[in-house]
C-alpha atoms as a PDB file:
ATOM      1  CA  UNK A   1     -16.640  -8.150 -15.226  1.00  0.00           C
ATOM      2  CA  UNK A   2     -19.261  -8.298 -12.528  1.00  0.00           C
ATOM      3  CA  UNK A   3     -19.350  -9.110  -8.829  1.00  0.00           C
ATOM      4  CA  UNK A   4     -18.656 -12.589  -7.472  1.00  0.00           C
ATOM      5  CA  UNK A   5     -21.856 -14.642  -7.255  1.00  0.00           C
ATOM      6  CA  UNK A   6     -21.020 -17.975  -5.616  1.00  0.00           C
ATOM      7  CA  UNK A   7     -24.681 -18.826  -5.066  1.00  0.00           C
ATOM      8  CA  UNK A   8     -26.292 -17.362  -8.175  1.00  0.00           C
ATOM      9  CA  UNK A   9     -29.448 -19.374  -7.674  1.00  0.00           C
ATOM     10  CA  UNK A  10     -30.057 -17.510  -4.395  1.00  0.00           C
ATOM     11  CA  UNK A  11     -29.228 -14.094  -5.834  1.00  0.00           C
ATOM     12  CA  UNK A  12     -26.515 -13.472  -3.248  1.00  0.00           C
ATOM     13  CA  UNK A  13     -23.785 -11.065  -4.372  1.00  0.00           C
ATOM     14  CA  UNK A  14     -20.437 -10.762  -2.602  1.00  0.00           C
ATOM     15  CA  UNK A  15     -18.140  -7.741  -2.598  1.00  0.00           C
ATOM     16  CA  UNK A  16     -15.347  -9.511  -4.477  1.00  0.00           C
ATOM     17  CA  UNK A  17     -14.339  -8.877  -8.069  1.00  0.00           C
ATOM     18  CA  UNK A  18     -12.122 -11.003 -10.284  1.00  0.00           C
ATOM     19  CA  UNK A  19      -8.910  -9.618 -11.763  1.00  0.00           C
ATOM     20  CA  UNK A  20      -9.338  -9.334 -15.536  1.00  0.00           C
ATOM     21  CA  UNK A  21      -7.343 -12.158 -17.158  1.00  0.00           C
ATOM     22  CA  UNK A  22      -5.417  -9.861 -19.511  1.00  0.00           C
ATOM     23  CA  UNK A  23      -3.956  -7.983 -16.519  1.00  0.00           C
ATOM     24  CA  UNK A  24      -2.373 -11.114 -15.063  1.00  0.00           C
ATOM     25  CA  UNK A  25       0.176 -11.191 -17.896  1.00  0.00           C
ATOM     26  CA  UNK A  26       0.949  -7.454 -17.754  1.00  0.00           C
ATOM     27  CA  UNK A  27       2.448  -6.247 -14.447  1.00  0.00           C
ATOM     28  CA  UNK A  28       2.413  -2.603 -15.607  1.00  0.00           C
ATOM     29  CA  UNK A  29      -1.344  -2.755 -16.190  1.00  0.00           C
ATOM     30  CA  UNK A  30      -2.015  -4.846 -13.071  1.00  0.00           C
ATOM     31  CA  UNK A  31      -0.391  -2.409 -10.630  1.00  0.00           C
ATOM     32  CA  UNK A  32      -2.996   0.430 -10.832  1.00  0.00           C
ATOM     33  CA  UNK A  33      -5.822  -2.114 -10.659  1.00  0.00           C
ATOM     34  CA  UNK A  34      -4.312  -3.735  -7.550  1.00  0.00           C
ATOM     35  CA  UNK A  35      -3.592  -0.373  -5.891  1.00  0.00           C
ATOM     36  CA  UNK A  36      -7.179   0.731  -6.375  1.00  0.00           C
ATOM     37  CA  UNK A  37      -8.467  -2.590  -5.016  1.00  0.00           C
ATOM     38  CA  UNK A  38      -6.290  -2.244  -1.911  1.00  0.00           C
ATOM     39  CA  UNK A  39      -7.431   1.355  -1.358  1.00  0.00           C
ATOM     40  CA  UNK A  40     -11.091   0.436  -1.640  1.00  0.00           C
ATOM     41  CA  UNK A  41     -10.670  -2.593   0.640  1.00  0.00           C
ATOM     42  CA  UNK A  42      -9.034  -0.413   3.288  1.00  0.00           C
ATOM     43  CA  UNK A  43     -11.886   2.068   3.500  1.00  0.00           C
ATOM     44  CA  UNK A  44     -13.971   1.976   6.636  1.00  0.00           C
ATOM     45  CA  UNK A  45     -17.547   0.954   6.208  1.00  0.00           C
ATOM     46  CA  UNK A  46     -20.004   3.474   7.583  1.00  0.00           C
ATOM     47  CA  UNK A  47     -22.447   1.991  10.045  1.00  0.00           C
ATOM     48  CA  UNK A  48     -25.943   3.201   9.399  1.00  0.00           C
ATOM     49  CA  UNK A  49     -28.392   3.574  12.209  1.00  0.00           C
ATOM     50  CA  UNK A  50     -31.412   1.327  11.984  1.00  0.00           C
ATOM     51  CA  UNK A  51     -33.454   4.005  13.723  1.00  0.00           C
ATOM     52  CA  UNK A  52     -35.367   6.513  11.669  1.00  0.00           C
ATOM     53  CA  UNK A  53     -34.955   9.544  13.904  1.00  0.00           C
ATOM     54  CA  UNK A  54     -32.646  11.293  16.368  1.00  0.00           C
END
């Protein structure tokens, strides 16, 4: 399963991923997937400097 592409014709990719359909019917399998998704979503994004030097 790949990233969400709401505007495929423009090549734009969003940072959202769809839950695999087979996990929706299996709470035991869904839990680790959801926990990982929540952990990743909670991470701080690192701001990168647009300058090349100190």
